[in-house]
PDB file of N, CA and C in Angstrom:
ATOM      1  N   MET A   1       0.817  -1.046  -0.293  1.00  0.00           N
ATOM      2  CA  MET A   1       0.089   0.117  -0.125  1.00  0.00           C
ATOM      3  C   MET A   1       0.703   1.214   0.031  1.00  0.00           C
ATOM      4  N   LYS A   2       2.188   1.091   0.599  1.00  0.00           N
ATOM      5  CA  LYS A   2       2.755   2.280   0.446  1.00  0.00           C
ATOM      6  C   LYS A   2       3.265   2.802  -0.858  1.00  0.00           C
ATOM      7  N   ASP A   3       3.890   1.715  -1.692  1.00  0.00           N
ATOM      8  CA  ASP A   3       4.067   2.220  -3.031  1.00  0.00           C
ATOM      9  C   ASP A   3       2.931   2.885  -3.667  1.00  0.00           C
ATOM     10  N   ALA A   4       1.531   2.319  -3.423  1.00  0.00           N
ATOM     11  CA  ALA A   4       0.488   2.805  -4.134  1.00  0.00           C
ATOM     12  C   ALA A   4       0.289   4.549  -3.538  1.00  0.00           C
ATOM     13  N   THR A   5       0.694   4.776  -2.480  1.00  0.00           N
ATOM     14  CA  THR A   5       0.155   5.752  -1.806  1.00  0.00           C
ATOM     15  C   THR A   5       1.246   6.772  -2.657  1.00  0.00           C
ATOM     16  N   MET A   6       2.543   6.404  -2.501  1.00  0.00           N
ATOM     17  CA  MET A   6       3.730   7.103  -3.231  1.00  0.00           C
ATOM     18  C   MET A   6       3.201   7.621  -4.555  1.00  0.00           C
ATOM     19  N   ILE A   7       2.793   6.574  -5.284  1.00  0.00           N
ATOM     20  CA  ILE A   7       2.357   6.613  -6.911  1.00  0.00           C
ATOM     21  C   ILE A   7       1.406   7.878  -6.897  1.00  0.00           C
ATOM     22  N   ALA A   8       0.716   7.481  -6.007  1.00  0.00           N
ATOM     23  CA  ALA A   8      -0.854   8.313  -6.238  1.00  0.00           C
ATOM     24  C   ALA A   8      -0.259   9.613  -6.094  1.00  0.00           C
ATOM     25  N   LEU A   9       0.489   9.953  -4.955  1.00  0.00           N
ATOM     26  CA  LEU A   9       1.122  11.239  -4.393  1.00  0.00           C
ATOM     27  C   LEU A   9       1.680  12.004  -5.494  1.00  0.00           C
ATOM     28  N   VAL A  10       2.643  11.345  -6.021  1.00  0.00           N
ATOM     29  CA  VAL A  10       3.201  11.823  -6.975  1.00  0.00           C
ATOM     30  C   VAL A  10       2.755  12.429  -8.272  1.00  0.00           C
ATOM     31  N   THR A  11       1.995  11.271  -8.495  1.00  0.00           N
ATOM     32  CA  THR A  11       0.911  11.382 -10.025  1.00  0.00           C
ATOM     33  C   THR A  11      -0.008  12.884  -9.581  1.00  0.00           C
ATOM     34  N   PHE A  12      -0.683  12.897  -8.376  1.00  0.00           N
ATOM     35  CA  PHE A  12      -1.316  13.860  -8.405  1.00  0.00           C
ATOM     36  C   PHE A  12      -0.603  15.414  -8.292  1.00  0.00           C
ATOM     37  N   GLY A  13       0.572  15.077  -7.818  1.00  0.00           N
ATOM     38  CA  GLY A  13       1.212  16.328  -8.013  1.00  0.00           C
ATOM     39  C   GLY A  13       1.689  16.855  -9.164  1.00  0.00           C
ATOM     40  N   VAL A  14       2.140  15.856  -9.847  1.00  0.00           N
ATOM     41  CA  VAL A  14       2.604  16.209 -11.135  1.00  0.00           C
ATOM     42  C   VAL A  14       1.428  16.519 -12.372  1.00  0.00           C
ATOM     43  N   PHE A  15       0.289  15.862 -12.079  1.00  0.00           N
ATOM     44  CA  PHE A  15      -0.975  15.783 -12.891  1.00  0.00           C
ATOM     45  C   PHE A  15      -1.684  17.435 -12.329  1.00  0.00           C
ATOM     46  N   MET A  16      -1.777  17.766 -11.264  1.00  0.00           N
ATOM     47  CA  MET A  16      -2.158  19.058 -10.811  1.00  0.00           C
ATOM     48  C   MET A  16      -1.209  20.437 -11.134  1.00  0.00           C
ATOM     49  N   THR A  17      -0.171  20.117 -11.422  1.00  0.00           N
ATOM     50  CA  THR A  17       0.898  21.330 -12.010  1.00  0.00           C
ATOM     51  C   THR A  17       0.647  21.061 -13.496  1.00  0.00           C
ATOM     52  N   GLU A  18       0.647  20.274 -14.043  1.00  0.00           N
ATOM     53  CA  GLU A  18       0.278  20.077 -15.390  1.00  0.00           C
ATOM     54  C   GLU A  18      -1.204  20.879 -15.915  1.00  0.00           C
ATOM     55  N   ALA A  19      -2.355  20.565 -14.676  1.00  0.00           N
ATOM     56  CA  ALA A  19      -3.523  20.940 -14.943  1.00  0.00           C
ATOM     57  C   ALA A  19      -3.565  22.885 -15.129  1.00  0.00           C
ATOM     58  N   LEU A  20      -2.881  23.112 -13.724  1.00  0.00           N
ATOM     59  CA  LEU A  20      -2.664  24.598 -13.529  1.00  0.00           C
ATOM     60  C   LEU A  20      -1.888  25.130 -14.937  1.00  0.00           C
ATOM     61  N   VAL A  21      -0.811  24.646 -15.335  1.00  0.00           N
ATOM     62  CA  VAL A  21      -0.463  25.461 -16.525  1.00  0.00           C
ATOM     63  C   VAL A  21      -1.501  25.355 -17.557  1.00  0.00           C
ATOM     64  N   HIS A  22      -1.861  24.418 -18.154  1.00  0.00           N
ATOM     65  CA  HIS A  22      -2.776  24.446 -19.085  1.00  0.00           C
ATOM     66  C   HIS A  22      -4.188  25.445 -18.652  1.00  0.00           C
ATOM     67  N   TYR A  23      -4.613  25.504 -17.616  1.00  0.00           N
ATOM     68  CA  TYR A  23      -5.344  26.392 -16.935  1.00  0.00           C
ATOM     69  C   TYR A  23      -5.185  27.781 -17.603  1.00  0.00           C
ATOM     70  N   ASN A  24      -3.718  27.893 -16.700  1.00  0.00           N
ATOM     71  CA  ASN A  24      -3.082  29.674 -17.134  1.00  0.00           C
ATOM     72  C   ASN A  24      -2.996  29.707 -18.831  1.00  0.00           C
ATOM     73  N   THR A  25      -2.793  28.741 -19.426  1.00  0.00           N
ATOM     74  CA  THR A  25      -2.405  28.912 -20.757  1.00  0.00           C
ATOM     75  C   THR A  25      -3.706  29.253 -21.704  1.00  0.00           C
ATOM     76  N   GLY A  26      -4.755  28.654 -21.065  1.00  0.00           N
ATOM     77  CA  GLY A  26      -6.065  29.061 -21.741  1.00  0.00           C
ATOM     78  C   GLY A  26      -6.515  30.275 -21.118  1.00  0.00           C
ATOM     79  N   ILE A  27      -6.553  30.688 -19.979  1.00  0.00           N
ATOM     80  CA  ILE A  27      -6.853  31.867 -19.704  1.00  0.00           C
ATOM     81  C   ILE A  27      -6.026  33.048 -20.504  1.00  0.00           C
ATOM     82  N   ALA A  28      -4.297  33.017 -20.539  1.00  0.00           N
ATOM     83  CA  ALA A  28      -3.907  34.057 -21.177  1.00  0.00           C
ATOM     84  C   ALA A  28      -4.468  33.847 -22.701  1.00  0.00           C
ATOM     85  N   ALA A  29      -4.585  32.991 -23.334  1.00  0.00           N
ATOM     86  CA  ALA A  29      -5.261  32.861 -25.141  1.00  0.00           C
ATOM     87  C   ALA A  29      -6.465  33.819 -25.265  1.00  0.00           C
ATOM     88  N   ALA A  30      -7.379  33.043 -24.134  1.00  0.00           N
ATOM     89  CA  ALA A  30      -8.734  33.580 -24.256  1.00  0.00           C
ATOM     90  C   ALA A  30      -8.856  35.045 -24.033  1.00  0.00           C
ATOM     91  N   HIS A  31      -8.047  35.661 -23.352  1.00  0.00           N
ATOM     92  CA  HIS A  31      -7.895  37.061 -22.818  1.00  0.00           C
ATOM     93  C   HIS A  31      -7.025  37.970 -23.533  1.00  0.00           C
ATOM     94  N   GLY A  32      -5.955  37.450 -24.393  1.00  0.00           N
ATOM     95  CA  GLY A  32      -5.273  37.873 -25.304  1.00  0.00           C
ATOM     96  C   GLY A  32      -4.053  38.588 -24.369  1.00  0.00           C
ATOM     97  N   LYS A  33      -3.696  37.912 -23.216  1.00  0.00           N
ATOM     98  CA  LYS A  33      -2.606  38.441 -22.449  1.00  0.00           C
ATOM     99  C   LYS A  33      -1.465  37.714 -22.459  1.00  0.00           C
ATOM    100  N   PRO A  34      -0.472  38.317 -21.986  1.00  0.00           N
ATOM    101  CA  PRO A  34       0.699  37.101 -21.617  1.00  0.00           C
ATOM    102  C   PRO A  34       0.243  36.040 -20.584  1.00  0.00           C
ATOM    103  N   TRP A  35       1.145  35.015 -20.694  1.00  0.00           N
ATOM    104  CA  TRP A  35       0.900  34.009 -19.697  1.00  0.00           C
ATOM    105  C   TRP A  35       1.500  34.195 -18.435  1.00  0.00           C
ATOM    106  N   LYS A  36       0.713  34.221 -17.593  1.00  0.00           N
ATOM    107  CA  LYS A  36       0.997  34.470 -16.203  1.00  0.00           C
ATOM    108  C   LYS A  36       0.634  33.467 -15.118  1.00  0.00           C
ATOM    109  N   PHE A  37       1.141  32.781 -14.106  1.00  0.00           N
ATOM    110  CA  PHE A  37       0.766  31.949 -13.206  1.00  0.00           C
ATOM    111  C   PHE A  37      -0.323  32.313 -12.396  1.00  0.00           C
ATOM    112  N   ASN A  38      -1.371  31.999 -12.234  1.00  0.00           N
ATOM    113  CA  ASN A  38      -2.293  32.308 -11.381  1.00  0.00           C
ATOM    114  C   ASN A  38      -3.019  31.114 -10.675  1.00  0.00           C
ATOM    115  N   ILE A  39      -3.398  30.638  -9.508  1.00  0.00           N
ATOM    116  CA  ILE A  39      -4.089  29.559  -9.065  1.00  0.00           C
ATOM    117  C   ILE A  39      -5.737  30.182  -9.211  1.00  0.00           C
ATOM    118  N   PRO A  40      -6.490  29.003  -9.548  1.00  0.00           N
ATOM    119  CA  PRO A  40      -7.973  29.804  -9.896  1.00  0.00           C
ATOM    120  C   PRO A  40      -8.676  29.604  -8.538  1.00  0.00           C
ATOM    121  N   SER A  41      -9.495  30.349  -8.635  1.00  0.00           N
ATOM    122  CA  SER A  41     -10.670  30.457  -7.922  1.00  0.00           C
ATOM    123  C   SER A  41     -11.236  29.238  -6.992  1.00  0.00           C
ATOM    124  N   GLY A  42     -11.640  29.234  -5.844  1.00  0.00           N
ATOM    125  CA  GLY A  42     -11.901  27.763  -5.060  1.00  0.00           C
ATOM    126  C   GLY A  42     -12.856  26.958  -6.076  1.00  0.00           C
ATOM    127  N   ASP A  43     -13.847  27.292  -6.582  1.00  0.00           N
ATOM    128  CA  ASP A  43     -14.886  26.331  -7.383  1.00  0.00           C
ATOM    129  C   ASP A  43     -13.769  25.654  -8.670  1.00  0.00           C
ATOM    130  N   GLU A  44     -13.150  26.655  -9.074  1.00  0.00           N
ATOM    131  CA  GLU A  44     -12.452  25.972 -10.335  1.00  0.00           C
ATOM    132  C   GLU A  44     -11.374  25.069 -10.033  1.00  0.00           C
ATOM    133  N   LEU A  45     -10.612  25.733  -9.020  1.00  0.00           N
ATOM    134  CA  LEU A  45      -9.418  24.838  -8.164  1.00  0.00           C
ATOM    135  C   LEU A  45     -10.280  23.337  -7.646  1.00  0.00           C
ATOM    136  N   ILE A  46     -11.130  23.497  -7.104  1.00  0.00           N
ATOM    137  CA  ILE A  46     -11.972  22.264  -6.927  1.00  0.00           C
ATOM    138  C   ILE A  46     -12.390  21.380  -8.066  1.00  0.00           C
ATOM    139  N   LYS A  47     -12.860  21.699  -9.124  1.00  0.00           N
ATOM    140  CA  LYS A  47     -13.137  21.119 -10.213  1.00  0.00           C
ATOM    141  C   LYS A  47     -11.745  20.412 -10.630  1.00  0.00           C
ATOM    142  N   LEU A  48     -10.852  21.244 -10.972  1.00  0.00           N
ATOM    143  CA  LEU A  48      -9.589  20.755 -11.263  1.00  0.00           C
ATOM    144  C   LEU A  48      -9.003  19.654 -10.645  1.00  0.00           C
ATOM    145  N   GLY A  49      -9.052  19.811  -9.186  1.00  0.00           N
ATOM    146  CA  GLY A  49      -8.465  18.596  -8.473  1.00  0.00           C
ATOM    147  C   GLY A  49      -9.337  17.635  -8.303  1.00  0.00           C
ATOM    148  N   MET A  50     -10.599  17.648  -8.781  1.00  0.00           N
ATOM    149  CA  MET A  50     -11.570  16.336  -8.784  1.00  0.00           C
ATOM    150  C   MET A  50     -11.158  15.616 -10.150  1.00  0.00           C
ATOM    151  N   ILE A  51     -10.850  16.414 -11.294  1.00  0.00           N
ATOM    152  CA  ILE A  51     -10.578  15.760 -12.652  1.00  0.00           C
ATOM    153  C   ILE A  51      -9.426  14.976 -12.410  1.00  0.00           C
ATOM    154  N   VAL A  52      -8.383  15.811 -11.919  1.00  0.00           N
ATOM    155  CA  VAL A  52      -6.903  15.228 -11.557  1.00  0.00           C
ATOM    156  C   VAL A  52      -7.232  13.917 -10.483  1.00  0.00           C
ATOM    157  N   GLY A  53      -7.870  14.024  -9.504  1.00  0.00           N
ATOM    158  CA  GLY A  53      -8.048  12.914  -8.775  1.00  0.00           C
ATOM    159  C   GLY A  53      -8.481  11.841  -9.380  1.00  0.00           C
ATOM    160  N   VAL A  54      -9.437  12.025 -10.398  1.00  0.00           N
ATOM    161  CA  VAL A  54     -10.055  10.817 -11.203  1.00  0.00           C
ATOM    162  C   VAL A  54      -8.621  10.130 -12.002  1.00  0.00           C
ATOM    163  N   ALA A  55      -7.903  11.094 -12.342  1.00  0.00           N
ATOM    164  CA  ALA A  55      -7.113  10.710 -13.262  1.00  0.00           C
ATOM    165  C   ALA A  55      -5.967   9.781 -12.248  1.00  0.00           C
ATOM    166  N   THR A  56      -5.733  10.527 -11.825  1.00  0.00           N
ATOM    167  CA  THR A  56      -4.648   9.831 -10.461  1.00  0.00           C
ATOM    168  C   THR A  56      -5.148   8.631 -10.185  1.00  0.00           C
ATOM    169  N   THR A  57      -6.198   8.561  -9.877  1.00  0.00           N
ATOM    170  CA  THR A  57      -6.916   6.915  -9.075  1.00  0.00           C
ATOM    171  C   THR A  57      -6.894   5.925 -10.301  1.00  0.00           C
ATOM    172  N   ALA A  58      -7.152   6.503 -11.658  1.00  0.00           N
ATOM    173  CA  ALA A  58      -6.768   5.514 -12.687  1.00  0.00           C
ATOM    174  C   ALA A  58      -5.592   5.153 -13.000  1.00  0.00           C
ATOM    175  N   THR A  59      -4.643   6.073 -12.876  1.00  0.00           N
ATOM    176  CA  THR A  59      -3.229   5.825 -13.242  1.00  0.00           C
ATOM    177  C   THR A  59      -2.661   4.707 -12.053  1.00  0.00           C
ATOM    178  N   THR A  60      -3.064   5.171 -10.889  1.00  0.00           N
ATOM    179  CA  THR A  60      -2.362   4.216  -9.748  1.00  0.00           C
ATOM    180  C   THR A  60      -3.004   2.849 -10.002  1.00  0.00           C
ATOM    181  N   LEU A  61      -4.231   2.765 -10.125  1.00  0.00           N
ATOM    182  CA  LEU A  61      -4.812   1.577 -10.356  1.00  0.00           C
ATOM    183  C   LEU A  61      -4.205   0.602 -11.526  1.00  0.00           C
ATOM    184  N   ILE A  62      -3.946   1.443 -12.641  1.00  0.00           N
ATOM    185  CA  ILE A  62      -3.367   0.586 -13.783  1.00  0.00           C
ATOM    186  C   ILE A  62      -1.799   0.344 -13.462  1.00  0.00           C
ATOM    187  N   ILE A  63      -1.177   1.199 -12.961  1.00  0.00           N
ATOM    188  CA  ILE A  63       0.337   0.709 -12.283  1.00  0.00           C
ATOM    189  C   ILE A  63      -0.231  -0.432 -11.692  1.00  0.00           C
ATOM    190  N   GLY A  64      -0.569  -0.377 -10.466  1.00  0.00           N
ATOM    191  CA  GLY A  64      -0.852  -1.671  -9.574  1.00  0.00           C
ATOM    192  C   GLY A  64      -1.186  -2.754 -10.394  1.00  0.00           C
ATOM    193  N   TYR A  65      -2.129  -2.807 -11.361  1.00  0.00           N
ATOM    194  CA  TYR A  65      -2.241  -3.937 -12.223  1.00  0.00           C
ATOM    195  C   TYR A  65      -1.026  -4.524 -12.815  1.00  0.00           C
ATOM    196  N   LEU A  66      -0.399  -3.457 -13.632  1.00  0.00           N
ATOM    197  CA  LEU A  66       0.651  -3.908 -14.495  1.00  0.00           C
ATOM    198  C   LEU A  66       2.033  -4.422 -13.623  1.00  0.00           C
ATOM    199  N   ARG A  67       1.799  -4.144 -12.329  1.00  0.00           N
ATOM    200  CA  ARG A  67       3.012  -4.474 -11.360  1.00  0.00           C
ATOM    201  C   ARG A  67       2.796  -6.015 -11.026  1.00  0.00           C
ATOM    202  N   GLU A  68       1.777  -6.542 -11.096  1.00  0.00           N
ATOM    203  CA  GLU A  68       1.301  -7.889 -10.527  1.00  0.00           C
ATOM    204  C   GLU A  68       1.775  -8.921 -11.227  1.00  0.00           C
TER     205      GLU A  68
END
């Protein structure tokens, strides 16, 4: 279980960072402004976290299956 927890935490961190980069890229493109890193508001951040959480869970389960 320790390995699965570590995989999940690392995966969540990497995926969440990627999601925030994509979020900020989209905001910059939509508003025609230079790219700037911002953390979205509470509701948007929760939505991103939930999406990333689902992807993290799927990835962790797949890795666990492939390691057996």
